[in-house]
Amino acid sequence: MAINKAMRIALKALSYPDLDVKKNYKLHRQVNTAVNAYLKPRYSIWDHKIQGLDHEIPVRIFLPPDTSDDIPPRVLIFFHGGGWVIGNIDSYSNVCTNMAKQTGALVVSVDYRLAPEHRFPCALIDCYTVTREIFLDSTIFDVESENIAIIGDSAGGNLAAAVSLMARDRGEFNVSKQILLYPSTHNDHSDETGFPSIKKNGYEYLLTSKRIRDYMDMYISSEHDLNNPYLAPLIADDLSNQPNTLIITAEYDPLRDEGEAYGKKLTEYGNKVDVFRMKDALHGFFVLPKRFVHIKRSYEIINKFLRE
């Protein structure tokens, strides 16, 4: 249902624009992890590490329930949101538990390095390394490459799009499907960006445009990164040969328009793209409990896309 007046007042209070994310990001991490750790999933999981160039990358594997014979074995490689600054495999365990259950897929959640301790492109390199490992060794999960998809929400959607671009550019493997949930795709989140959703939804709907800018400031290594398509996929000169793509945006999200613009640009370069705007939804809705209508509708859309 639409956001009523009382809800708008509450959202405005929670979205107070002068909260200093740069000073309080460590506290945000602790609260985020503590809340979600309390709600431990009752599910089969397995913690593992994949070797990167100079460090090990933790991943958590969520096993699907027994599925019917008409559902092929499938792997979803998941990159969590949190502005590249907060979030981890613990805070997203309930999301991934439900993802495995709703899709019948084995879910691999990547615990990539966070900014500002590890700035761009560290998170991307971690996500790419894990994805490359899974695609190049079919014996790991005994799944055909066409049944492996990547998925991410918010900053994780940004990382998924960047992994697909990097895979094409390096020519090491081909991603057949990507699912981008309200992704960050652009490099400018000021009111002058040209996207109406930044100005319209950037002040009173939890995620403010100021917080987005703060997160990006903590993520980039220098101003030069803002011109890198691996940081802002929407500015890429060439978006050809990208995976079949599903983009789900949220109606009251400052990132809504840039996510939809990315879908349009992918289509212009000859890619197959489906874009859905979730009515009455806020940024971050994918972490809601499974009973919420936005979650139920999302998995209807996701499962249809995966079956195609």
C-alpha atoms as a PDB file:
ATOM      1  CA  MET A   1       0.000   0.000   0.000  1.00  0.00           C
ATOM      2  CA  ALA A   2       1.126   3.603  -0.480  1.00  0.00           C
ATOM      3  CA  ILE A   3       3.169   5.370   2.188  1.00  0.00           C
ATOM      4  CA  ASN A   4       0.775   7.274   4.451  1.00  0.00           C
ATOM      5  CA  LYS A   5       1.337  10.588   6.255  1.00  0.00           C
ATOM      6  CA  ALA A   6       2.390   9.019   9.575  1.00  0.00           C
ATOM      7  CA  MET A   7       4.927   6.775   7.834  1.00  0.00           C
ATOM      8  CA  ARG A   8       6.317   9.743   5.931  1.00  0.00           C
ATOM      9  CA  ILE A   9       6.901  11.624   9.199  1.00  0.00           C
ATOM     10  CA  ALA A  10       8.721   8.626  10.692  1.00  0.00           C
ATOM     11  CA  LEU A  11      10.836   8.166   7.583  1.00  0.00           C
ATOM     12  CA  LYS A  12      11.769  11.851   7.595  1.00  0.00           C
ATOM     13  CA  ALA A  13      13.006  11.574  11.183  1.00  0.00           C
ATOM     14  CA  LEU A  14      15.032   8.445  10.410  1.00  0.00           C
ATOM     15  CA  SER A  15      16.488  10.064   7.297  1.00  0.00           C
ATOM     16  CA  TYR A  16      17.916  13.116   9.083  1.00  0.00           C
ATOM     17  CA  PRO A  17      20.500  14.275   6.530  1.00  0.00           C
ATOM     18  CA  ASP A  18      23.204  15.502   8.900  1.00  0.00           C
ATOM     19  CA  LEU A  19      24.046  12.098  10.392  1.00  0.00           C
ATOM     20  CA  ASP A  20      27.770  11.670   9.840  1.00  0.00           C
ATOM     21  CA  VAL A  21      28.180   8.257   8.232  1.00  0.00           C
ATOM     22  CA  LYS A  22      31.901   8.821   7.808  1.00  0.00           C
ATOM     23  CA  LYS A  23      32.387   9.124  11.570  1.00  0.00           C
ATOM     24  CA  ASN A  24      29.941   6.425  12.614  1.00  0.00           C
ATOM     25  CA  TYR A  25      30.388   3.686  10.008  1.00  0.00           C
ATOM     26  CA  LYS A  26      32.014   1.288  12.494  1.00  0.00           C
ATOM     27  CA  LEU A  27      29.038   1.633  14.843  1.00  0.00           C
ATOM     28  CA  HIS A  28      26.682   1.057  11.924  1.00  0.00           C
ATOM     29  CA  ARG A  29      28.546  -2.155  11.119  1.00  0.00           C
ATOM     30  CA  GLN A  30      28.276  -3.403  14.712  1.00  0.00           C
ATOM     31  CA  VAL A  31      24.569  -2.663  14.993  1.00  0.00           C
ATOM     32  CA  ASN A  32      23.846  -4.169  11.587  1.00  0.00           C
ATOM     33  CA  THR A  33      25.671  -7.388  12.420  1.00  0.00           C
ATOM     34  CA  ALA A  34      24.300  -7.652  15.967  1.00  0.00           C
ATOM     35  CA  VAL A  35      20.661  -7.309  14.901  1.00  0.00           C
ATOM     36  CA  ASN A  36      20.954  -9.906  12.173  1.00  0.00           C
ATOM     37  CA  ALA A  37      23.142 -12.284  14.178  1.00  0.00           C
ATOM     38  CA  TYR A  38      20.366 -12.440  16.781  1.00  0.00           C
ATOM     39  CA  LEU A  39      18.047 -13.776  14.063  1.00  0.00           C
ATOM     40  CA  LYS A  40      20.164 -16.794  13.220  1.00  0.00           C
ATOM     41  CA  PRO A  41      18.840 -18.738  10.250  1.00  0.00           C
ATOM     42  CA  ARG A  42      17.682 -22.296  10.784  1.00  0.00           C
ATOM     43  CA  TYR A  43      19.290 -23.655   7.682  1.00  0.00           C
ATOM     44  CA  SER A  44      22.209 -25.630   6.305  1.00  0.00           C
ATOM     45  CA  ILE A  45      25.242 -23.415   5.756  1.00  0.00           C
ATOM     46  CA  TRP A  46      28.920 -23.949   5.180  1.00  0.00           C
ATOM     47  CA  ASP A  47      31.692 -21.388   5.696  1.00  0.00           C
ATOM     48  CA  HIS A  48      34.621 -21.577   3.314  1.00  0.00           C
ATOM     49  CA  LYS A  49      37.500 -19.408   2.055  1.00  0.00           C
ATOM     50  CA  ILE A  50      38.710 -18.804  -1.478  1.00  0.00           C
ATOM     51  CA  GLN A  51      42.295 -17.778  -2.070  1.00  0.00           C
ATOM     52  CA  GLY A  52      42.791 -14.324  -3.568  1.00  0.00           C
ATOM     53  CA  LEU A  53      46.059 -12.813  -4.757  1.00  0.00           C
ATOM     54  CA  ASP A  54      47.303 -11.929  -1.274  1.00  0.00           C
ATOM     55  CA  HIS A  55      44.501 -12.866   1.117  1.00  0.00           C
ATOM     56  CA  GLU A  56      41.673 -15.334   1.651  1.00  0.00           C
ATOM     57  CA  ILE A  57      38.109 -14.307   0.795  1.00  0.00           C
ATOM     58  CA  PRO A  58      35.436 -15.726   3.133  1.00  0.00           C
ATOM     59  CA  VAL A  59      32.269 -17.084   1.547  1.00  0.00           C
ATOM     60  CA  ARG A  60      29.203 -18.647   3.118  1.00  0.00           C
ATOM     61  CA  ILE A  61      27.377 -21.344   1.184  1.00  0.00           C
ATOM     62  CA  PHE A  62      23.648 -21.830   1.722  1.00  0.00           C
ATOM     63  CA  LEU A  63      22.333 -25.201   0.661  1.00  0.00           C
ATOM     64  CA  PRO A  64      18.918 -25.349  -0.994  1.00  0.00           C
ATOM     65  CA  PRO A  65      16.182 -27.658   0.238  1.00  0.00           C
ATOM     66  CA  ASP A  66      15.377 -30.757  -1.750  1.00  0.00           C
ATOM     67  CA  THR A  67      13.951 -29.636  -5.080  1.00  0.00           C
ATOM     68  CA  SER A  68      11.884 -31.371  -7.699  1.00  0.00           C
ATOM     69  CA  ASP A  69      13.528 -33.029 -10.673  1.00  0.00           C
ATOM     70  CA  ASP A  70      12.244 -30.351 -13.058  1.00  0.00           C
ATOM     71  CA  ILE A  71      14.392 -27.653 -11.368  1.00  0.00           C
ATOM     72  CA  PRO A  72      17.996 -27.866 -12.652  1.00  0.00           C
ATOM     73  CA  PRO A  73      20.913 -27.468 -10.223  1.00  0.00           C
ATOM     74  CA  ARG A  74      21.659 -23.764  -9.980  1.00  0.00           C
ATOM     75  CA  VAL A  75      24.141 -21.486  -8.199  1.00  0.00           C
ATOM     76  CA  LEU A  76      23.554 -17.856  -7.230  1.00  0.00           C
ATOM     77  CA  ILE A  77      26.674 -15.854  -6.341  1.00  0.00           C
ATOM     78  CA  PHE A  78      25.509 -13.065  -4.025  1.00  0.00           C
ATOM     79  CA  PHE A  79      27.152  -9.696  -3.269  1.00  0.00           C
ATOM     80  CA  HIS A  80      25.617  -7.865  -0.318  1.00  0.00           C
ATOM     81  CA  GLY A  81      24.720  -4.194  -0.057  1.00  0.00           C
ATOM     82  CA  GLY A  82      25.782  -1.596   2.481  1.00  0.00           C
ATOM     83  CA  GLY A  83      27.439   1.148   0.454  1.00  0.00           C
ATOM     84  CA  TRP A  84      30.671  -0.870   0.180  1.00  0.00           C
ATOM     85  CA  VAL A  85      31.169   0.140   3.845  1.00  0.00           C
ATOM     86  CA  ILE A  86      28.808  -1.906   6.047  1.00  0.00           C
ATOM     87  CA  GLY A  87      27.236  -5.353   5.741  1.00  0.00           C
ATOM     88  CA  ASN A  88      28.817  -8.816   5.727  1.00  0.00           C
ATOM     89  CA  ILE A  89      27.877 -12.480   5.360  1.00  0.00           C
ATOM     90  CA  ASP A  90      26.478 -12.511   8.906  1.00  0.00           C
ATOM     91  CA  SER A  91      24.163  -9.548   8.401  1.00  0.00           C
ATOM     92  CA  TYR A  92      22.846 -11.068   5.157  1.00  0.00           C
ATOM     93  CA  SER A  93      22.543 -14.684   6.281  1.00  0.00           C
ATOM     94  CA  ASN A  94      18.777 -14.497   6.659  1.00  0.00           C
ATOM     95  CA  VAL A  95      18.457 -12.952   3.209  1.00  0.00           C
ATOM     96  CA  CYS A  96      20.563 -15.720   1.679  1.00  0.00           C
ATOM     97  CA  THR A  97      18.747 -18.427   3.624  1.00  0.00           C
ATOM     98  CA  ASN A  98      15.468 -17.262   2.155  1.00  0.00           C
ATOM     99  CA  MET A  99      17.065 -16.886  -1.283  1.00  0.00           C
ATOM    100  CA  ALA A 100      18.156 -20.527  -1.284  1.00  0.00           C
ATOM    101  CA  LYS A 101      14.729 -21.645  -0.132  1.00  0.00           C
ATOM    102  CA  GLN A 102      12.741 -19.488  -2.558  1.00  0.00           C
ATOM    103  CA  THR A 103      14.854 -20.215  -5.662  1.00  0.00           C
ATOM    104  CA  GLY A 104      15.983 -23.775  -4.980  1.00  0.00           C
ATOM    105  CA  ALA A 105      19.517 -22.620  -5.765  1.00  0.00           C
ATOM    106  CA  LEU A 106      22.755 -23.032  -3.868  1.00  0.00           C
ATOM    107  CA  VAL A 107      23.699 -19.511  -2.742  1.00  0.00           C
ATOM    108  CA  VAL A 108      27.316 -18.368  -2.320  1.00  0.00           C
ATOM    109  CA  SER A 109      27.543 -15.152  -0.283  1.00  0.00           C
ATOM    110  CA  VAL A 110      30.834 -13.268  -0.698  1.00  0.00           C
ATOM    111  CA  ASP A 111      32.359 -11.459   2.289  1.00  0.00           C
ATOM    112  CA  TYR A 112      34.306  -8.914   0.259  1.00  0.00           C
ATOM    113  CA  ARG A 113      36.629  -6.362   1.862  1.00  0.00           C
ATOM    114  CA  LEU A 114      34.991  -3.148   3.036  1.00  0.00           C
ATOM    115  CA  ALA A 115      35.877   0.507   2.649  1.00  0.00           C
ATOM    116  CA  PRO A 116      37.321   2.788   3.897  1.00  0.00           C
ATOM    117  CA  GLU A 117      39.946   0.322   5.137  1.00  0.00           C
ATOM    118  CA  HIS A 118      39.991  -1.275   1.682  1.00  0.00           C
ATOM    119  CA  ARG A 119      39.039   1.131  -1.068  1.00  0.00           C
ATOM    120  CA  PHE A 120      38.091   0.656  -4.718  1.00  0.00           C
ATOM    121  CA  PRO A 121      38.738  -1.706  -6.432  1.00  0.00           C
ATOM    122  CA  CYS A 122      39.308  -4.121  -3.488  1.00  0.00           C
ATOM    123  CA  ALA A 123      35.651  -5.162  -3.118  1.00  0.00           C
ATOM    124  CA  LEU A 124      35.334  -5.665  -6.870  1.00  0.00           C
ATOM    125  CA  ILE A 125      38.514  -7.747  -7.073  1.00  0.00           C
ATOM    126  CA  ASP A 126      37.241 -10.011  -4.271  1.00  0.00           C
ATOM    127  CA  CYS A 127      33.864 -10.492  -5.969  1.00  0.00           C
ATOM    128  CA  TYR A 128      35.495 -11.130  -9.331  1.00  0.00           C
ATOM    129  CA  THR A 129      37.969 -13.611  -7.855  1.00  0.00           C
ATOM    130  CA  VAL A 130      35.229 -15.702  -6.241  1.00  0.00           C
ATOM    131  CA  THR A 131      33.065 -15.578  -9.352  1.00  0.00           C
ATOM    132  CA  ARG A 132      35.982 -16.550 -11.585  1.00  0.00           C
ATOM    133  CA  GLU A 133      36.847 -19.507  -9.335  1.00  0.00           C
ATOM    134  CA  ILE A 134      33.303 -20.855  -9.508  1.00  0.00           C
ATOM    135  CA  PHE A 135      32.913 -20.365 -13.266  1.00  0.00           C
ATOM    136  CA  LEU A 136      36.283 -21.851 -14.204  1.00  0.00           C
ATOM    137  CA  ASP A 137      35.984 -24.991 -12.076  1.00  0.00           C
ATOM    138  CA  SER A 138      32.716 -26.737 -12.852  1.00  0.00           C
ATOM    139  CA  THR A 139      33.583 -29.503 -10.406  1.00  0.00           C
ATOM    140  CA  ILE A 140      33.179 -27.220  -7.379  1.00  0.00           C
ATOM    141  CA  PHE A 141      29.371 -27.450  -7.405  1.00  0.00           C
ATOM    142  CA  ASP A 142      28.851 -29.700 -10.423  1.00  0.00           C
ATOM    143  CA  VAL A 143      26.680 -27.090 -12.133  1.00  0.00           C
ATOM    144  CA  GLU A 144      26.785 -26.019 -15.769  1.00  0.00           C
ATOM    145  CA  SER A 145      28.009 -22.442 -16.259  1.00  0.00           C
ATOM    146  CA  GLU A 146      24.723 -21.366 -17.852  1.00  0.00           C
ATOM    147  CA  ASN A 147      23.032 -22.213 -14.539  1.00  0.00           C
ATOM    148  CA  ILE A 148      25.303 -19.914 -12.543  1.00  0.00           C
ATOM    149  CA  ALA A 149      24.017 -16.357 -12.014  1.00  0.00           C
ATOM    150  CA  ILE A 150      25.289 -13.383 -10.053  1.00  0.00           C
ATOM    151  CA  ILE A 151      23.039 -11.252  -7.875  1.00  0.00           C
ATOM    152  CA  GLY A 152      23.516  -8.239  -5.634  1.00  0.00           C
ATOM    153  CA  ASP A 153      21.541  -5.513  -3.908  1.00  0.00           C
ATOM    154  CA  SER A 154      22.479  -1.807  -3.855  1.00  0.00           C
ATOM    155  CA  ALA A 155      26.297  -1.648  -3.675  1.00  0.00           C
ATOM    156  CA  GLY A 156      26.204  -5.390  -4.300  1.00  0.00           C
ATOM    157  CA  GLY A 157      24.231  -4.743  -7.475  1.00  0.00           C
ATOM    158  CA  ASN A 158      26.948  -2.306  -8.483  1.00  0.00           C
ATOM    159  CA  LEU A 159      29.562  -5.001  -7.881  1.00  0.00           C
ATOM    160  CA  ALA A 160      27.606  -7.567  -9.889  1.00  0.00           C
ATOM    161  CA  ALA A 161      27.374  -5.220 -12.873  1.00  0.00           C
ATOM    162  CA  ALA A 162      31.090  -4.447 -12.584  1.00  0.00           C
ATOM    163  CA  VAL A 163      32.007  -8.152 -12.368  1.00  0.00           C
ATOM    164  CA  SER A 164      30.098  -8.763 -15.609  1.00  0.00           C
ATOM    165  CA  LEU A 165      31.920  -5.911 -17.343  1.00  0.00           C
ATOM    166  CA  MET A 166      35.290  -7.121 -16.068  1.00  0.00           C
ATOM    167  CA  ALA A 167      34.554 -10.707 -17.152  1.00  0.00           C
ATOM    168  CA  ARG A 168      33.815  -9.511 -20.669  1.00  0.00           C
ATOM    169  CA  ASP A 169      36.908  -7.284 -20.788  1.00  0.00           C
ATOM    170  CA  ARG A 170      39.273  -9.964 -19.478  1.00  0.00           C
ATOM    171  CA  GLY A 171      37.704 -12.767 -21.470  1.00  0.00           C
ATOM    172  CA  GLU A 172      38.174 -15.346 -18.698  1.00  0.00           C
ATOM    173  CA  PHE A 173      34.554 -16.477 -18.388  1.00  0.00           C
ATOM    174  CA  ASN A 174      31.052 -15.478 -19.466  1.00  0.00           C
ATOM    175  CA  VAL A 175      28.268 -14.617 -17.044  1.00  0.00           C
ATOM    176  CA  SER A 176      24.958 -15.693 -18.540  1.00  0.00           C
ATOM    177  CA  LYS A 177      22.593 -13.987 -16.074  1.00  0.00           C
ATOM    178  CA  GLN A 178      22.793 -11.138 -13.565  1.00  0.00           C
ATOM    179  CA  ILE A 179      20.195  -9.846 -11.125  1.00  0.00           C
ATOM    180  CA  LEU A 180      20.639  -6.245  -9.967  1.00  0.00           C
ATOM    181  CA  LEU A 181      18.466  -5.139  -7.058  1.00  0.00           C
ATOM    182  CA  TYR A 182      18.149  -1.328  -6.812  1.00  0.00           C
ATOM    183  CA  PRO A 183      21.792  -1.012  -7.935  1.00  0.00           C
ATOM    184  CA  SER A 184      24.102   1.975  -7.751  1.00  0.00           C
ATOM    185  CA  THR A 185      25.299   2.549 -11.326  1.00  0.00           C
ATOM    186  CA  HIS A 186      26.251   6.232 -11.562  1.00  0.00           C
ATOM    187  CA  ASN A 187      29.001   8.476 -10.160  1.00  0.00           C
ATOM    188  CA  ASP A 188      27.015  11.617  -9.299  1.00  0.00           C
ATOM    189  CA  HIS A 189      24.336  11.700  -6.609  1.00  0.00           C
ATOM    190  CA  SER A 190      23.894  15.438  -6.253  1.00  0.00           C
ATOM    191  CA  ASP A 191      20.632  17.208  -7.106  1.00  0.00           C
ATOM    192  CA  GLU A 192      22.230  18.247 -10.386  1.00  0.00           C
ATOM    193  CA  THR A 193      22.750  14.646 -11.499  1.00  0.00           C
ATOM    194  CA  GLY A 194      19.828  14.743 -13.923  1.00  0.00           C
ATOM    195  CA  PHE A 195      17.975  11.860 -12.270  1.00  0.00           C
ATOM    196  CA  PRO A 196      14.682  13.044 -10.719  1.00  0.00           C
ATOM    197  CA  SER A 197      14.694  10.232  -8.119  1.00  0.00           C
ATOM    198  CA  ILE A 198      17.814  11.673  -6.455  1.00  0.00           C
ATOM    199  CA  LYS A 199      16.088  14.985  -5.828  1.00  0.00           C
ATOM    200  CA  LYS A 200      12.625  13.568  -5.171  1.00  0.00           C
ATOM    201  CA  ASN A 201      13.577  10.591  -2.968  1.00  0.00           C
ATOM    202  CA  GLY A 202      16.961  11.663  -1.599  1.00  0.00           C
ATOM    203  CA  TYR A 203      15.887  13.264   1.664  1.00  0.00           C
ATOM    204  CA  GLU A 204      13.010  11.515   3.429  1.00  0.00           C
ATOM    205  CA  TYR A 205      13.203   7.797   2.605  1.00  0.00           C
ATOM    206  CA  LEU A 206      15.923   6.318   4.861  1.00  0.00           C
ATOM    207  CA  LEU A 207      18.700   6.302   2.269  1.00  0.00           C
ATOM    208  CA  THR A 208      19.507   9.956   1.587  1.00  0.00           C
ATOM    209  CA  SER A 209      21.530  11.377  -1.270  1.00  0.00           C
ATOM    210  CA  LYS A 210      24.016  12.682   1.306  1.00  0.00           C
ATOM    211  CA  ARG A 211      24.584   9.190   2.685  1.00  0.00           C
ATOM    212  CA  ILE A 212      25.120   7.849  -0.824  1.00  0.00           C
ATOM    213  CA  ARG A 213      27.763  10.526  -1.448  1.00  0.00           C
ATOM    214  CA  ASP A 214      29.411   9.766   1.901  1.00  0.00           C
ATOM    215  CA  TYR A 215      29.579   6.061   1.123  1.00  0.00           C
ATOM    216  CA  MET A 216      31.082   6.728  -2.277  1.00  0.00           C
ATOM    217  CA  ASP A 217      33.639   9.130  -0.768  1.00  0.00           C
ATOM    218  CA  MET A 218      34.736   6.338   1.559  1.00  0.00           C
ATOM    219  CA  TYR A 219      34.832   3.821  -1.284  1.00  0.00           C
ATOM    220  CA  ILE A 220      36.874   5.640  -3.911  1.00  0.00           C
ATOM    221  CA  SER A 221      40.669   5.776  -3.751  1.00  0.00           C
ATOM    222  CA  SER A 222      40.787   9.094  -5.630  1.00  0.00           C
ATOM    223  CA  GLU A 223      38.545  11.392  -7.645  1.00  0.00           C
ATOM    224  CA  HIS A 224      39.892   9.685 -10.749  1.00  0.00           C
ATOM    225  CA  ASP A 225      37.917   6.548  -9.795  1.00  0.00           C
ATOM    226  CA  LEU A 226      34.667   8.389 -10.500  1.00  0.00           C
ATOM    227  CA  ASN A 227      35.426   8.101 -14.219  1.00  0.00           C
ATOM    228  CA  ASN A 228      35.982   4.336 -14.029  1.00  0.00           C
ATOM    229  CA  PRO A 229      33.104   2.251 -15.446  1.00  0.00           C
ATOM    230  CA  TYR A 230      33.915  -0.505 -12.948  1.00  0.00           C
ATOM    231  CA  LEU A 231      32.855   1.999 -10.270  1.00  0.00           C
ATOM    232  CA  ALA A 232      29.985   3.526 -12.255  1.00  0.00           C
ATOM    233  CA  PRO A 233      28.851   1.043 -14.941  1.00  0.00           C
ATOM    234  CA  LEU A 234      26.366   3.512 -16.401  1.00  0.00           C
ATOM    235  CA  ILE A 235      29.200   5.651 -17.799  1.00  0.00           C
ATOM    236  CA  ALA A 236      30.772   2.738 -19.701  1.00  0.00           C
ATOM    237  CA  ASP A 237      31.396   3.535 -23.359  1.00  0.00           C
ATOM    238  CA  ASP A 238      30.503  -0.012 -24.386  1.00  0.00           C
ATOM    239  CA  LEU A 239      27.886  -2.226 -22.731  1.00  0.00           C
ATOM    240  CA  SER A 240      27.777  -4.899 -25.407  1.00  0.00           C
ATOM    241  CA  ASN A 241      28.011  -8.622 -24.639  1.00  0.00           C
ATOM    242  CA  GLN A 242      26.546  -8.374 -21.178  1.00  0.00           C
ATOM    243  CA  PRO A 243      24.504 -11.082 -19.439  1.00  0.00           C
ATOM    244  CA  ASN A 244      20.765 -11.409 -19.637  1.00  0.00           C
ATOM    245  CA  THR A 245      19.822  -8.936 -16.941  1.00  0.00           C
ATOM    246  CA  LEU A 246      17.023  -8.511 -14.414  1.00  0.00           C
ATOM    247  CA  ILE A 247      16.839  -5.135 -12.655  1.00  0.00           C
ATOM    248  CA  ILE A 248      14.398  -4.524  -9.802  1.00  0.00           C
ATOM    249  CA  THR A 249      14.154  -0.957  -8.512  1.00  0.00           C
ATOM    250  CA  ALA A 250      12.160   0.598  -5.663  1.00  0.00           C
ATOM    251  CA  GLU A 251       9.636   3.391  -6.166  1.00  0.00           C
ATOM    252  CA  TYR A 252      10.843   5.574  -3.267  1.00  0.00           C
ATOM    253  CA  ASP A 253      14.572   5.053  -3.797  1.00  0.00           C
ATOM    254  CA  PRO A 254      17.050   7.791  -4.774  1.00  0.00           C
ATOM    255  CA  LEU A 255      18.893   5.169  -6.869  1.00  0.00           C
ATOM    256  CA  ARG A 256      15.750   4.211  -8.781  1.00  0.00           C
ATOM    257  CA  ASP A 257      16.336   6.203 -11.964  1.00  0.00           C
ATOM    258  CA  GLU A 258      19.986   5.313 -12.444  1.00  0.00           C
ATOM    259  CA  GLY A 259      19.173   1.619 -12.072  1.00  0.00           C
ATOM    260  CA  GLU A 260      16.471   1.909 -14.707  1.00  0.00           C
ATOM    261  CA  ALA A 261      18.761   4.003 -16.927  1.00  0.00           C
ATOM    262  CA  TYR A 262      21.320   1.210 -16.766  1.00  0.00           C
ATOM    263  CA  GLY A 263      18.702  -1.234 -17.972  1.00  0.00           C
ATOM    264  CA  LYS A 264      17.823   1.069 -20.865  1.00  0.00           C
ATOM    265  CA  LYS A 265      21.475   1.477 -21.871  1.00  0.00           C
ATOM    266  CA  LEU A 266      22.073  -2.274 -21.709  1.00  0.00           C
ATOM    267  CA  THR A 267      19.112  -2.739 -24.043  1.00  0.00           C
ATOM    268  CA  GLU A 268      20.495  -0.147 -26.456  1.00  0.00           C
ATOM    269  CA  TYR A 269      23.642  -2.268 -26.739  1.00  0.00           C
ATOM    270  CA  GLY A 270      21.667  -5.333 -27.725  1.00  0.00           C
ATOM    271  CA  ASN A 271      21.363  -7.099 -24.380  1.00  0.00           C
ATOM    272  CA  LYS A 272      18.220  -8.811 -23.088  1.00  0.00           C
ATOM    273  CA  VAL A 273      16.972  -6.853 -20.089  1.00  0.00           C
ATOM    274  CA  ASP A 274      13.900  -6.952 -17.835  1.00  0.00           C
ATOM    275  CA  VAL A 275      13.263  -3.984 -15.539  1.00  0.00           C
ATOM    276  CA  PHE A 276      10.647  -3.934 -12.780  1.00  0.00           C
ATOM    277  CA  ARG A 277       9.857  -1.037 -10.453  1.00  0.00           C
ATOM    278  CA  MET A 278       8.572  -2.278  -7.086  1.00  0.00           C
ATOM    279  CA  LYS A 279       5.588  -0.113  -6.189  1.00  0.00           C
ATOM    280  CA  ASP A 280       5.585   1.569  -2.752  1.00  0.00           C
ATOM    281  CA  ALA A 281       9.003   0.083  -1.915  1.00  0.00           C
ATOM    282  CA  LEU A 282      11.985   1.761  -0.243  1.00  0.00           C
ATOM    283  CA  HIS A 283      15.656   1.187  -0.921  1.00  0.00           C
ATOM    284  CA  GLY A 284      16.834  -1.914   0.907  1.00  0.00           C
ATOM    285  CA  PHE A 285      13.479  -3.702   0.893  1.00  0.00           C
ATOM    286  CA  PHE A 286      15.125  -7.005  -0.042  1.00  0.00           C
ATOM    287  CA  VAL A 287      16.287  -7.511   3.564  1.00  0.00           C
ATOM    288  CA  LEU A 288      12.692  -7.535   4.829  1.00  0.00           C
ATOM    289  CA  PRO A 289      11.249 -10.778   6.245  1.00  0.00           C
ATOM    290  CA  LYS A 290       9.936 -13.237   3.698  1.00  0.00           C
ATOM    291  CA  ARG A 291       6.283 -12.612   4.564  1.00  0.00           C
ATOM    292  CA  PHE A 292       6.351  -9.080   3.100  1.00  0.00           C
ATOM    293  CA  VAL A 293       4.610  -8.619  -0.231  1.00  0.00           C
ATOM    294  CA  HIS A 294       7.664  -6.987  -1.826  1.00  0.00           C
ATOM    295  CA  ILE A 295       9.763 -10.070  -1.047  1.00  0.00           C
ATOM    296  CA  LYS A 296       7.130 -12.455  -2.361  1.00  0.00           C
ATOM    297  CA  ARG A 297       6.736 -10.447  -5.549  1.00  0.00           C
ATOM    298  CA  SER A 298      10.522 -10.188  -6.009  1.00  0.00           C
ATOM    299  CA  TYR A 299      10.954 -13.952  -5.931  1.00  0.00           C
ATOM    300  CA  GLU A 300       8.118 -14.438  -8.392  1.00  0.00           C
ATOM    301  CA  ILE A 301      10.016 -12.150 -10.778  1.00  0.00           C
ATOM    302  CA  ILE A 302      13.436 -13.669 -10.001  1.00  0.00           C
ATOM    303  CA  ASN A 303      12.280 -17.266 -10.459  1.00  0.00           C
ATOM    304  CA  LYS A 304      10.594 -16.463 -13.761  1.00  0.00           C
ATOM    305  CA  PHE A 305      13.838 -14.827 -14.945  1.00  0.00           C
ATOM    306  CA  LEU A 306      15.964 -17.782 -13.846  1.00  0.00           C
ATOM    307  CA  ARG A 307      13.715 -20.253 -15.636  1.00  0.00           C
ATOM    308  CA  GLU A 308      13.870 -18.393 -18.956  1.00  0.00           C
END
